[in-house]
Structure formats: structure tokens, C-alpha cells
mmCIF file of all heavy atoms, coordinates in Angstrom:
data_MODEL
# 
_entry.id   MODEL 
# 
loop_
_atom_site.group_PDB 
_atom_site.id 
_atom_site.type_symbol 
_atom_site.label_atom_id 
_atom_site.label_alt_id 
_atom_site.label_comp_id 
_atom_site.label_asym_id 
_atom_site.label_entity_id 
_atom_site.label_seq_id 
_atom_site.pdbx_PDB_ins_code 
_atom_site.Cartn_x 
_atom_site.Cartn_y 
_atom_site.Cartn_z 
_atom_site.occupancy 
_atom_site.B_iso_or_equiv 
_atom_site.pdbx_formal_charge 
_atom_site.auth_seq_id 
_atom_site.auth_comp_id 
_atom_site.auth_asym_id 
_atom_site.auth_atom_id 
_atom_site.pdbx_PDB_model_num 
ATOM 1   N N   . ILE A 1 1  ? 155.919 89.291 -123.388 1.00 0.00 ? 1  ILE A N   1 
ATOM 2   C CA  . ILE A 1 1  ? 154.889 90.135 -122.594 1.00 0.00 ? 1  ILE A CA  1 
ATOM 3   C C   . ILE A 1 1  ? 155.190 89.872 -121.046 1.00 0.00 ? 1  ILE A C   1 
ATOM 4   O O   . ILE A 1 1  ? 155.738 88.865 -120.691 1.00 0.00 ? 1  ILE A O   1 
ATOM 5   C CB  . ILE A 1 1  ? 153.451 89.823 -122.870 1.00 0.00 ? 1  ILE A CB  1 
ATOM 6   C CG1 . ILE A 1 1  ? 153.010 88.316 -122.650 1.00 0.00 ? 1  ILE A CG1 1 
ATOM 7   C CG2 . ILE A 1 1  ? 153.247 90.262 -124.333 1.00 0.00 ? 1  ILE A CG2 1 
ATOM 8   C CD1 . ILE A 1 1  ? 151.590 88.093 -122.857 1.00 0.00 ? 1  ILE A CD1 1 
ATOM 9   N N   . MET A 1 2  ? 154.815 90.938 -120.266 1.00 0.00 ? 2  MET A N   1 
ATOM 10  C CA  . MET A 1 2  ? 155.131 90.715 -118.911 1.00 0.00 ? 2  MET A CA  1 
ATOM 11  C C   . MET A 1 2  ? 153.960 91.513 -118.034 1.00 0.00 ? 2  MET A C   1 
ATOM 12  O O   . MET A 1 2  ? 153.349 92.432 -118.681 1.00 0.00 ? 2  MET A O   1 
ATOM 13  C CB  . MET A 1 2  ? 156.461 91.265 -118.484 1.00 0.00 ? 2  MET A CB  1 
ATOM 14  C CG  . MET A 1 2  ? 156.812 92.696 -118.913 1.00 0.00 ? 2  MET A CG  1 
ATOM 15  S SD  . MET A 1 2  ? 158.433 93.065 -119.284 1.00 0.00 ? 2  MET A SD  1 
ATOM 16  C CE  . MET A 1 2  ? 158.555 92.582 -121.038 1.00 0.00 ? 2  MET A CE  1 
ATOM 17  N N   . GLY A 1 3  ? 153.766 91.248 -116.767 1.00 0.00 ? 3  GLY A N   1 
ATOM 18  C CA  . GLY A 1 3  ? 152.796 91.890 -116.123 1.00 0.00 ? 3  GLY A CA  1 
ATOM 19  C C   . GLY A 1 3  ? 153.034 93.337 -115.787 1.00 0.00 ? 3  GLY A C   1 
ATOM 20  O O   . GLY A 1 3  ? 151.992 94.106 -115.509 1.00 0.00 ? 3  GLY A O   1 
ATOM 21  N N   . SER A 1 4  ? 154.281 93.631 -115.617 1.00 0.00 ? 4  SER A N   1 
ATOM 22  C CA  . SER A 1 4  ? 154.644 95.113 -115.299 1.00 0.00 ? 4  SER A CA  1 
ATOM 23  C C   . SER A 1 4  ? 156.052 95.460 -115.691 1.00 0.00 ? 4  SER A C   1 
ATOM 24  O O   . SER A 1 4  ? 156.805 94.547 -115.963 1.00 0.00 ? 4  SER A O   1 
ATOM 25  C CB  . SER A 1 4  ? 154.321 95.397 -113.742 1.00 0.00 ? 4  SER A CB  1 
ATOM 26  O OG  . SER A 1 4  ? 155.363 94.755 -112.999 1.00 0.00 ? 4  SER A OG  1 
ATOM 27  N N   . THR A 1 5  ? 156.323 96.794 -115.668 1.00 0.00 ? 5  THR A N   1 
ATOM 28  C CA  . THR A 1 5  ? 157.615 97.141 -116.082 1.00 0.00 ? 5  THR A CA  1 
ATOM 29  C C   . THR A 1 5  ? 158.713 96.655 -115.137 1.00 0.00 ? 5  THR A C   1 
ATOM 30  O O   . THR A 1 5  ? 159.948 96.563 -115.496 1.00 0.00 ? 5  THR A O   1 
ATOM 31  C CB  . THR A 1 5  ? 157.786 98.675 -116.058 1.00 0.00 ? 5  THR A CB  1 
ATOM 32  O OG1 . THR A 1 5  ? 157.354 99.191 -114.802 1.00 0.00 ? 5  THR A OG1 1 
ATOM 33  C CG2 . THR A 1 5  ? 156.931 99.268 -117.243 1.00 0.00 ? 5  THR A CG2 1 
ATOM 34  N N   . SER A 1 6  ? 158.356 96.317 -113.824 1.00 0.00 ? 6  SER A N   1 
ATOM 35  C CA  . SER A 1 6  ? 159.302 95.703 -112.966 1.00 0.00 ? 6  SER A CA  1 
ATOM 36  C C   . SER A 1 6  ? 159.899 94.351 -113.356 1.00 0.00 ? 6  SER A C   1 
ATOM 37  O O   . SER A 1 6  ? 160.861 93.904 -113.008 1.00 0.00 ? 6  SER A O   1 
ATOM 38  C CB  . SER A 1 6  ? 158.660 95.665 -111.526 1.00 0.00 ? 6  SER A CB  1 
ATOM 39  O OG  . SER A 1 6  ? 157.668 94.697 -111.533 1.00 0.00 ? 6  SER A OG  1 
ATOM 40  N N   . ASP A 1 7  ? 159.078 93.633 -114.344 1.00 0.00 ? 7  ASP A N   1 
ATOM 41  C CA  . ASP A 1 7  ? 159.496 92.373 -114.887 1.00 0.00 ? 7  ASP A CA  1 
ATOM 42  C C   . ASP A 1 7  ? 160.637 92.429 -116.011 1.00 0.00 ? 7  ASP A C   1 
ATOM 43  O O   . ASP A 1 7  ? 161.235 91.635 -116.266 1.00 0.00 ? 7  ASP A O   1 
ATOM 44  C CB  . ASP A 1 7  ? 158.402 91.637 -115.281 1.00 0.00 ? 7  ASP A CB  1 
ATOM 45  C CG  . ASP A 1 7  ? 157.298 91.258 -114.317 1.00 0.00 ? 7  ASP A CG  1 
ATOM 46  O OD1 . ASP A 1 7  ? 157.694 91.181 -113.056 1.00 0.00 ? 7  ASP A OD1 1 
ATOM 47  O OD2 . ASP A 1 7  ? 156.137 91.133 -114.614 1.00 0.00 ? 7  ASP A OD2 1 
ATOM 48  N N   . LEU A 1 8  ? 160.646 93.692 -116.474 1.00 0.00 ? 8  LEU A N   1 
ATOM 49  C CA  . LEU A 1 8  ? 161.557 93.985 -117.638 1.00 0.00 ? 8  LEU A CA  1 
ATOM 50  C C   . LEU A 1 8  ? 163.043 93.503 -117.501 1.00 0.00 ? 8  LEU A C   1 
ATOM 51  O O   . LEU A 1 8  ? 163.692 92.969 -118.360 1.00 0.00 ? 8  LEU A O   1 
ATOM 52  C CB  . LEU A 1 8  ? 161.521 95.403 -118.204 1.00 0.00 ? 8  LEU A CB  1 
ATOM 53  C CG  . LEU A 1 8  ? 162.241 95.681 -119.500 1.00 0.00 ? 8  LEU A CG  1 
ATOM 54  C CD1 . LEU A 1 8  ? 161.708 94.718 -120.659 1.00 0.00 ? 8  LEU A CD1 1 
ATOM 55  C CD2 . LEU A 1 8  ? 162.010 97.070 -119.910 1.00 0.00 ? 8  LEU A CD2 1 
ATOM 56  N N   . PRO A 1 9  ? 163.575 93.814 -116.294 1.00 0.00 ? 9  PRO A N   1 
ATOM 57  C CA  . PRO A 1 9  ? 164.978 93.433 -116.172 1.00 0.00 ? 9  PRO A CA  1 
ATOM 58  C C   . PRO A 1 9  ? 165.260 91.916 -116.456 1.00 0.00 ? 9  PRO A C   1 
ATOM 59  O O   . PRO A 1 9  ? 166.332 91.443 -116.940 1.00 0.00 ? 9  PRO A O   1 
ATOM 60  C CB  . PRO A 1 9  ? 165.413 93.884 -114.735 1.00 0.00 ? 9  PRO A CB  1 
ATOM 61  C CG  . PRO A 1 9  ? 164.503 95.087 -114.512 1.00 0.00 ? 9  PRO A CG  1 
ATOM 62  C CD  . PRO A 1 9  ? 163.180 94.693 -115.255 1.00 0.00 ? 9  PRO A CD  1 
ATOM 63  N N   . VAL A 1 10 ? 164.422 91.068 -115.921 1.00 0.00 ? 10 VAL A N   1 
ATOM 64  C CA  . VAL A 1 10 ? 164.417 89.647 -116.131 1.00 0.00 ? 10 VAL A CA  1 
ATOM 65  C C   . VAL A 1 10 ? 164.156 89.307 -117.619 1.00 0.00 ? 10 VAL A C   1 
ATOM 66  O O   . VAL A 1 10 ? 164.837 88.552 -118.295 1.00 0.00 ? 10 VAL A O   1 
ATOM 67  C CB  . VAL A 1 10 ? 163.406 88.942 -115.172 1.00 0.00 ? 10 VAL A CB  1 
ATOM 68  C CG1 . VAL A 1 10 ? 163.298 87.388 -115.601 1.00 0.00 ? 10 VAL A CG1 1 
ATOM 69  C CG2 . VAL A 1 10 ? 163.998 88.938 -113.727 1.00 0.00 ? 10 VAL A CG2 1 
ATOM 70  N N   . MET A 1 11 ? 163.045 89.814 -118.152 1.00 0.00 ? 11 MET A N   1 
ATOM 71  C CA  . MET A 1 11 ? 162.490 89.485 -119.535 1.00 0.00 ? 11 MET A CA  1 
ATOM 72  C C   . MET A 1 11 ? 163.491 89.944 -120.524 1.00 0.00 ? 11 MET A C   1 
ATOM 73  O O   . MET A 1 11 ? 163.392 89.464 -121.746 1.00 0.00 ? 11 MET A O   1 
ATOM 74  C CB  . MET A 1 11 ? 161.089 90.041 -119.729 1.00 0.00 ? 11 MET A CB  1 
ATOM 75  C CG  . MET A 1 11 ? 160.121 89.462 -118.675 1.00 0.00 ? 11 MET A CG  1 
ATOM 76  S SD  . MET A 1 11 ? 160.015 87.652 -118.711 1.00 0.00 ? 11 MET A SD  1 
ATOM 77  C CE  . MET A 1 11 ? 159.255 87.396 -120.229 1.00 0.00 ? 11 MET A CE  1 
ATOM 78  N N   . GLN A 1 12 ? 164.331 91.023 -120.305 1.00 0.00 ? 12 GLN A N   1 
ATOM 79  C CA  . GLN A 1 12 ? 165.271 91.501 -121.192 1.00 0.00 ? 12 GLN A CA  1 
ATOM 80  C C   . GLN A 1 12 ? 166.183 90.467 -121.716 1.00 0.00 ? 12 GLN A C   1 
ATOM 81  O O   . GLN A 1 12 ? 166.602 90.480 -122.829 1.00 0.00 ? 12 GLN A O   1 
ATOM 82  C CB  . GLN A 1 12 ? 166.151 92.685 -120.643 1.00 0.00 ? 12 GLN A CB  1 
ATOM 83  C CG  . GLN A 1 12 ? 166.965 93.431 -121.624 1.00 0.00 ? 12 GLN A CG  1 
ATOM 84  C CD  . GLN A 1 12 ? 166.136 94.152 -122.646 1.00 0.00 ? 12 GLN A CD  1 
ATOM 85  O OE1 . GLN A 1 12 ? 165.161 94.870 -122.305 1.00 0.00 ? 12 GLN A OE1 1 
ATOM 86  N NE2 . GLN A 1 12 ? 166.462 93.906 -123.857 1.00 0.00 ? 12 GLN A NE2 1 
ATOM 87  N N   . ASP A 1 13 ? 166.468 89.403 -120.957 1.00 0.00 ? 13 ASP A N   1 
ATOM 88  C CA  . ASP A 1 13 ? 167.372 88.264 -121.418 1.00 0.00 ? 13 ASP A CA  1 
ATOM 89  C C   . ASP A 1 13 ? 166.698 87.643 -122.575 1.00 0.00 ? 13 ASP A C   1 
ATOM 90  O O   . ASP A 1 13 ? 167.359 87.189 -123.463 1.00 0.00 ? 13 ASP A O   1 
ATOM 91  C CB  . ASP A 1 13 ? 167.525 87.319 -120.293 1.00 0.00 ? 13 ASP A CB  1 
ATOM 92  C CG  . ASP A 1 13 ? 168.580 87.953 -119.262 1.00 0.00 ? 13 ASP A CG  1 
ATOM 93  O OD1 . ASP A 1 13 ? 169.318 88.870 -119.511 1.00 0.00 ? 13 ASP A OD1 1 
ATOM 94  O OD2 . ASP A 1 13 ? 168.570 87.261 -118.157 1.00 0.00 ? 13 ASP A OD2 1 
ATOM 95  N N   . ALA A 1 14 ? 165.401 87.377 -122.487 1.00 0.00 ? 14 ALA A N   1 
ATOM 96  C CA  . ALA A 1 14 ? 164.705 86.752 -123.732 1.00 0.00 ? 14 ALA A CA  1 
ATOM 97  C C   . ALA A 1 14 ? 164.781 87.692 -125.004 1.00 0.00 ? 14 ALA A C   1 
ATOM 98  O O   . ALA A 1 14 ? 164.904 87.164 -126.014 1.00 0.00 ? 14 ALA A O   1 
ATOM 99  C CB  . ALA A 1 14 ? 163.231 86.486 -123.307 1.00 0.00 ? 14 ALA A CB  1 
ATOM 100 N N   . ILE A 1 15 ? 164.521 88.938 -124.770 1.00 0.00 ? 15 ILE A N   1 
ATOM 101 C CA  . ILE A 1 15 ? 164.482 89.838 -125.877 1.00 0.00 ? 15 ILE A CA  1 
ATOM 102 C C   . ILE A 1 15 ? 165.944 89.842 -126.594 1.00 0.00 ? 15 ILE A C   1 
ATOM 103 O O   . ILE A 1 15 ? 166.012 89.779 -127.750 1.00 0.00 ? 15 ILE A O   1 
ATOM 104 C CB  . ILE A 1 15 ? 164.153 91.352 -125.378 1.00 0.00 ? 15 ILE A CB  1 
ATOM 105 C CG1 . ILE A 1 15 ? 162.722 91.289 -124.812 1.00 0.00 ? 15 ILE A CG1 1 
ATOM 106 C CG2 . ILE A 1 15 ? 164.361 92.397 -126.439 1.00 0.00 ? 15 ILE A CG2 1 
ATOM 107 C CD1 . ILE A 1 15 ? 162.409 92.523 -123.908 1.00 0.00 ? 15 ILE A CD1 1 
ATOM 108 N N   . ASP A 1 16 ? 166.880 89.908 -125.684 1.00 0.00 ? 16 ASP A N   1 
ATOM 109 C CA  . ASP A 1 16 ? 168.219 89.990 -126.179 1.00 0.00 ? 16 ASP A CA  1 
ATOM 110 C C   . ASP A 1 16 ? 168.683 88.810 -127.083 1.00 0.00 ? 16 ASP A C   1 
ATOM 111 O O   . ASP A 1 16 ? 169.301 88.838 -128.067 1.00 0.00 ? 16 ASP A O   1 
ATOM 112 C CB  . ASP A 1 16 ? 169.312 90.180 -125.114 1.00 0.00 ? 16 ASP A CB  1 
ATOM 113 C CG  . ASP A 1 16 ? 169.126 91.563 -124.418 1.00 0.00 ? 16 ASP A CG  1 
ATOM 114 O OD1 . ASP A 1 16 ? 168.479 92.472 -125.046 1.00 0.00 ? 16 ASP A OD1 1 
ATOM 115 O OD2 . ASP A 1 16 ? 169.687 91.745 -123.301 1.00 0.00 ? 16 ASP A OD2 1 
ATOM 116 N N   . ILE A 1 17 ? 168.283 87.522 -126.413 1.00 0.00 ? 17 ILE A N   1 
ATOM 117 C CA  . ILE A 1 17 ? 168.702 86.297 -127.094 1.00 0.00 ? 17 ILE A CA  1 
ATOM 118 C C   . ILE A 1 17 ? 167.929 86.144 -128.489 1.00 0.00 ? 17 ILE A C   1 
ATOM 119 O O   . ILE A 1 17 ? 168.438 85.702 -129.426 1.00 0.00 ? 17 ILE A O   1 
ATOM 120 C CB  . ILE A 1 17 ? 168.604 85.047 -126.279 1.00 0.00 ? 17 ILE A CB  1 
ATOM 121 C CG1 . ILE A 1 17 ? 169.341 83.827 -126.767 1.00 0.00 ? 17 ILE A CG1 1 
ATOM 122 C CG2 . ILE A 1 17 ? 167.071 84.737 -125.965 1.00 0.00 ? 17 ILE A CG2 1 
ATOM 123 C CD1 . ILE A 1 17 ? 170.681 83.850 -126.321 1.00 0.00 ? 17 ILE A CD1 1 
ATOM 124 N N   . LEU A 1 18 ? 166.672 86.498 -128.436 1.00 0.00 ? 18 LEU A N   1 
ATOM 125 C CA  . LEU A 1 18 ? 165.841 86.467 -129.775 1.00 0.00 ? 18 LEU A CA  1 
ATOM 126 C C   . LEU A 1 18 ? 166.455 87.505 -130.820 1.00 0.00 ? 18 LEU A C   1 
ATOM 127 O O   . LEU A 1 18 ? 166.604 87.067 -131.942 1.00 0.00 ? 18 LEU A O   1 
ATOM 128 C CB  . LEU A 1 18 ? 164.378 86.888 -129.415 1.00 0.00 ? 18 LEU A CB  1 
ATOM 129 C CG  . LEU A 1 18 ? 163.601 85.801 -128.637 1.00 0.00 ? 18 LEU A CG  1 
ATOM 130 C CD1 . LEU A 1 18 ? 162.306 86.339 -127.996 1.00 0.00 ? 18 LEU A CD1 1 
ATOM 131 C CD2 . LEU A 1 18 ? 163.308 84.543 -129.532 1.00 0.00 ? 18 LEU A CD2 1 
ATOM 132 N N   . LYS A 1 19 ? 166.842 88.650 -130.289 1.00 0.00 ? 19 LYS A N   1 
ATOM 133 C CA  . LYS A 1 19 ? 167.397 89.556 -131.348 1.00 0.00 ? 19 LYS A CA  1 
ATOM 134 C C   . LYS A 1 19 ? 168.724 89.077 -131.790 1.00 0.00 ? 19 LYS A C   1 
ATOM 135 O O   . LYS A 1 19 ? 169.093 89.201 -133.003 1.00 0.00 ? 19 LYS A O   1 
ATOM 136 C CB  . LYS A 1 19 ? 167.541 90.964 -130.565 1.00 0.00 ? 19 LYS A CB  1 
ATOM 137 C CG  . LYS A 1 19 ? 166.255 91.739 -130.443 1.00 0.00 ? 19 LYS A CG  1 
ATOM 138 C CD  . LYS A 1 19 ? 166.465 93.094 -129.842 1.00 0.00 ? 19 LYS A CD  1 
ATOM 139 C CE  . LYS A 1 19 ? 165.046 93.895 -129.817 1.00 0.00 ? 19 LYS A CE  1 
ATOM 140 N NZ  . LYS A 1 19 ? 165.218 95.127 -129.175 1.00 0.00 ? 19 LYS A NZ  1 
ATOM 141 N N   . GLY A 1 20 ? 169.491 88.340 -130.976 1.00 0.00 ? 20 GLY A N   1 
ATOM 142 C CA  . GLY A 1 20 ? 170.704 87.674 -131.328 1.00 0.00 ? 20 GLY A CA  1 
ATOM 143 C C   . GLY A 1 20 ? 170.503 86.623 -132.403 1.00 0.00 ? 20 GLY A C   1 
ATOM 144 O O   . GLY A 1 20 ? 171.441 86.337 -133.243 1.00 0.00 ? 20 GLY A O   1 
ATOM 145 N N   . PHE A 1 21 ? 169.380 86.022 -132.392 1.00 0.00 ? 21 PHE A N   1 
ATOM 146 C CA  . PHE A 1 21 ? 168.960 85.022 -133.524 1.00 0.00 ? 21 PHE A CA  1 
ATOM 147 C C   . PHE A 1 21 ? 168.281 85.759 -134.664 1.00 0.00 ? 21 PHE A C   1 
ATOM 148 O O   . PHE A 1 21 ? 167.747 85.066 -135.521 1.00 0.00 ? 21 PHE A O   1 
ATOM 149 C CB  . PHE A 1 21 ? 168.127 83.973 -132.904 1.00 0.00 ? 21 PHE A CB  1 
ATOM 150 C CG  . PHE A 1 21 ? 168.739 82.998 -132.017 1.00 0.00 ? 21 PHE A CG  1 
ATOM 151 C CD1 . PHE A 1 21 ? 168.258 82.782 -130.736 1.00 0.00 ? 21 PHE A CD1 1 
ATOM 152 C CD2 . PHE A 1 21 ? 169.881 82.209 -132.388 1.00 0.00 ? 21 PHE A CD2 1 
ATOM 153 C CE1 . PHE A 1 21 ? 168.860 81.807 -129.933 1.00 0.00 ? 21 PHE A CE1 1 
ATOM 154 C CE2 . PHE A 1 21 ? 170.504 81.427 -131.584 1.00 0.00 ? 21 PHE A CE2 1 
ATOM 155 C CZ  . PHE A 1 21 ? 169.937 81.153 -130.235 1.00 0.00 ? 21 PHE A CZ  1 
ATOM 156 N N   . ASP A 1 22 ? 168.257 87.092 -134.653 1.00 0.00 ? 22 ASP A N   1 
ATOM 157 C CA  . ASP A 1 22 ? 167.564 87.819 -135.690 1.00 0.00 ? 22 ASP A CA  1 
ATOM 158 C C   . ASP A 1 22 ? 166.069 87.558 -135.798 1.00 0.00 ? 22 ASP A C   1 
ATOM 159 O O   . ASP A 1 22 ? 165.504 87.451 -137.006 1.00 0.00 ? 22 ASP A O   1 
ATOM 160 C CB  . ASP A 1 22 ? 168.278 87.634 -137.085 1.00 0.00 ? 22 ASP A CB  1 
ATOM 161 C CG  . ASP A 1 22 ? 169.664 88.139 -137.135 1.00 0.00 ? 22 ASP A CG  1 
ATOM 162 O OD1 . ASP A 1 22 ? 169.864 89.240 -136.450 1.00 0.00 ? 22 ASP A OD1 1 
ATOM 163 O OD2 . ASP A 1 22 ? 170.569 87.570 -137.706 1.00 0.00 ? 22 ASP A OD2 1 
ATOM 164 N N   . ILE A 1 23 ? 165.447 87.256 -134.767 1.00 0.00 ? 23 ILE A N   1 
ATOM 165 C CA  . ILE A 1 23 ? 164.005 87.061 -134.580 1.00 0.00 ? 23 ILE A CA  1 
ATOM 166 C C   . ILE A 1 23 ? 163.288 88.348 -134.224 1.00 0.00 ? 23 ILE A C   1 
ATOM 167 O O   . ILE A 1 23 ? 163.696 88.946 -133.251 1.00 0.00 ? 23 ILE A O   1 
ATOM 168 C CB  . ILE A 1 23 ? 163.655 85.816 -133.681 1.00 0.00 ? 23 ILE A CB  1 
ATOM 169 C CG1 . ILE A 1 23 ? 164.301 84.591 -134.167 1.00 0.00 ? 23 ILE A CG1 1 
ATOM 170 C CG2 . ILE A 1 23 ? 162.111 85.792 -133.456 1.00 0.00 ? 23 ILE A CG2 1 
ATOM 171 C CD1 . ILE A 1 23 ? 164.114 83.433 -133.198 1.00 0.00 ? 23 ILE A CD1 1 
ATOM 172 N N   . GLU A 1 24 ? 162.264 88.677 -134.916 1.00 0.00 ? 24 GLU A N   1 
ATOM 173 C CA  . GLU A 1 24 ? 161.685 89.952 -134.547 1.00 0.00 ? 24 GLU A CA  1 
ATOM 174 C C   . GLU A 1 24 ? 160.786 89.829 -133.137 1.00 0.00 ? 24 GLU A C   1 
ATOM 175 O O   . GLU A 1 24 ? 160.221 88.641 -133.090 1.00 0.00 ? 24 GLU A O   1 
ATOM 176 C CB  . GLU A 1 24 ? 160.562 90.280 -135.645 1.00 0.00 ? 24 GLU A CB  1 
ATOM 177 C CG  . GLU A 1 24 ? 159.817 91.527 -135.509 1.00 0.00 ? 24 GLU A CG  1 
ATOM 178 C CD  . GLU A 1 24 ? 158.959 91.862 -136.691 1.00 0.00 ? 24 GLU A CD  1 
ATOM 179 O OE1 . GLU A 1 24 ? 158.868 91.239 -137.655 1.00 0.00 ? 24 GLU A OE1 1 
ATOM 180 O OE2 . GLU A 1 24 ? 158.127 92.839 -136.288 1.00 0.00 ? 24 GLU A OE2 1 
ATOM 181 N N   . VAL A 1 25 ? 160.924 90.838 -132.504 1.00 0.00 ? 25 VAL A N   1 
ATOM 182 C CA  . VAL A 1 25 ? 160.279 90.755 -131.062 1.00 0.00 ? 25 VAL A CA  1 
ATOM 183 C C   . VAL A 1 25 ? 159.418 91.781 -130.760 1.00 0.00 ? 25 VAL A C   1 
ATOM 184 O O   . VAL A 1 25 ? 159.637 92.960 -131.195 1.00 0.00 ? 25 VAL A O   1 
ATOM 185 C CB  . VAL A 1 25 ? 161.388 90.863 -130.020 1.00 0.00 ? 25 VAL A CB  1 
ATOM 186 C CG1 . VAL A 1 25 ? 160.843 90.664 -128.538 1.00 0.00 ? 25 VAL A CG1 1 
ATOM 187 C CG2 . VAL A 1 25 ? 162.553 89.737 -130.153 1.00 0.00 ? 25 VAL A CG2 1 
ATOM 188 N N   . GLU A 1 26 ? 158.255 91.450 -130.343 1.00 0.00 ? 26 GLU A N   1 
ATOM 189 C CA  . GLU A 1 26 ? 157.198 92.500 -129.975 1.00 0.00 ? 26 GLU A CA  1 
ATOM 190 C C   . GLU A 1 26 ? 157.083 92.382 -128.545 1.00 0.00 ? 26 GLU A C   1 
ATOM 191 O O   . GLU A 1 26 ? 156.974 91.338 -127.877 1.00 0.00 ? 26 GLU A O   1 
ATOM 192 C CB  . GLU A 1 26 ? 155.757 92.057 -130.638 1.00 0.00 ? 26 GLU A CB  1 
ATOM 193 C CG  . GLU A 1 26 ? 154.672 92.914 -130.116 1.00 0.00 ? 26 GLU A CG  1 
ATOM 194 C CD  . GLU A 1 26 ? 153.426 92.412 -130.679 1.00 0.00 ? 26 GLU A CD  1 
ATOM 195 O OE1 . GLU A 1 26 ? 153.203 92.530 -131.831 1.00 0.00 ? 26 GLU A OE1 1 
ATOM 196 O OE2 . GLU A 1 26 ? 152.446 92.034 -129.829 1.00 0.00 ? 26 GLU A OE2 1 
ATOM 197 N N   . VAL A 1 27 ? 157.250 93.575 -127.721 1.00 0.00 ? 27 VAL A N   1 
ATOM 198 C CA  . VAL A 1 27 ? 157.386 93.674 -126.349 1.00 0.00 ? 27 VAL A CA  1 
ATOM 199 C C   . VAL A 1 27 ? 156.221 94.448 -125.828 1.00 0.00 ? 27 VAL A C   1 
ATOM 200 O O   . VAL A 1 27 ? 155.927 95.435 -126.341 1.00 0.00 ? 27 VAL A O   1 
ATOM 201 C CB  . VAL A 1 27 ? 158.727 94.222 -125.899 1.00 0.00 ? 27 VAL A CB  1 
ATOM 202 C CG1 . VAL A 1 27 ? 158.764 94.294 -124.351 1.00 0.00 ? 27 VAL A CG1 1 
ATOM 203 C CG2 . VAL A 1 27 ? 159.813 93.479 -126.389 1.00 0.00 ? 27 VAL A CG2 1 
ATOM 204 N N   . ASP A 1 28 ? 155.603 94.001 -124.776 1.00 0.00 ? 28 ASP A N   1 
ATOM 205 C CA  . ASP A 1 28 ? 154.422 94.720 -124.316 1.00 0.00 ? 28 ASP A CA  1 
ATOM 206 C C   . ASP A 1 28 ? 154.138 94.366 -122.862 1.00 0.00 ? 28 ASP A C   1 
ATOM 207 O O   . ASP A 1 28 ? 154.592 93.296 -122.327 1.00 0.00 ? 28 ASP A O   1 
ATOM 208 C CB  . ASP A 1 28 ? 153.039 94.378 -125.027 1.00 0.00 ? 28 ASP A CB  1 
ATOM 209 C CG  . ASP A 1 28 ? 152.105 95.608 -125.131 1.00 0.00 ? 28 ASP A CG  1 
ATOM 210 O OD1 . ASP A 1 28 ? 152.123 96.516 -124.196 1.00 0.00 ? 28 ASP A OD1 1 
ATOM 211 O OD2 . ASP A 1 28 ? 151.166 95.492 -125.819 1.00 0.00 ? 28 ASP A OD2 1 
ATOM 212 N N   . ILE A 1 29 ? 153.494 95.284 -122.155 1.00 0.00 ? 29 ILE A N   1 
ATOM 213 C CA  . ILE A 1 29 ? 152.948 95.071 -120.735 1.00 0.00 ? 29 ILE A CA  1 
ATOM 214 C C   . ILE A 1 29 ? 151.589 94.640 -120.808 1.00 0.00 ? 29 ILE A C   1 
ATOM 215 O O   . ILE A 1 29 ? 150.768 95.407 -121.361 1.00 0.00 ? 29 ILE A O   1 
ATOM 216 C CB  . ILE A 1 29 ? 153.203 96.405 -119.902 1.00 0.00 ? 29 ILE A CB  1 
ATOM 217 C CG1 . ILE A 1 29 ? 154.575 96.898 -119.976 1.00 0.00 ? 29 ILE A CG1 1 
ATOM 218 C CG2 . ILE A 1 29 ? 152.747 96.200 -118.428 1.00 0.00 ? 29 ILE A CG2 1 
ATOM 219 C CD1 . ILE A 1 29 ? 155.627 95.942 -119.278 1.00 0.00 ? 29 ILE A CD1 1 
# 
């Protein structure tokens, strides 16, 4: 989760690494 869409470019790294470990990810603002 993040405070705004402007945080997504940074937070995408967490999403990508988790998907690389085949962990389900829920993303929200």
C-alpha cells in the first residue's frame, strides 16, 4: 500500500520482487 499514485514508481520494486517469488500481491492506495 502507498499514500498516493506518485509513490508507485518506488513501490513497484516491491511488487516485482514479490511476484518473482510467486507471492500473491494486493496493491492499493
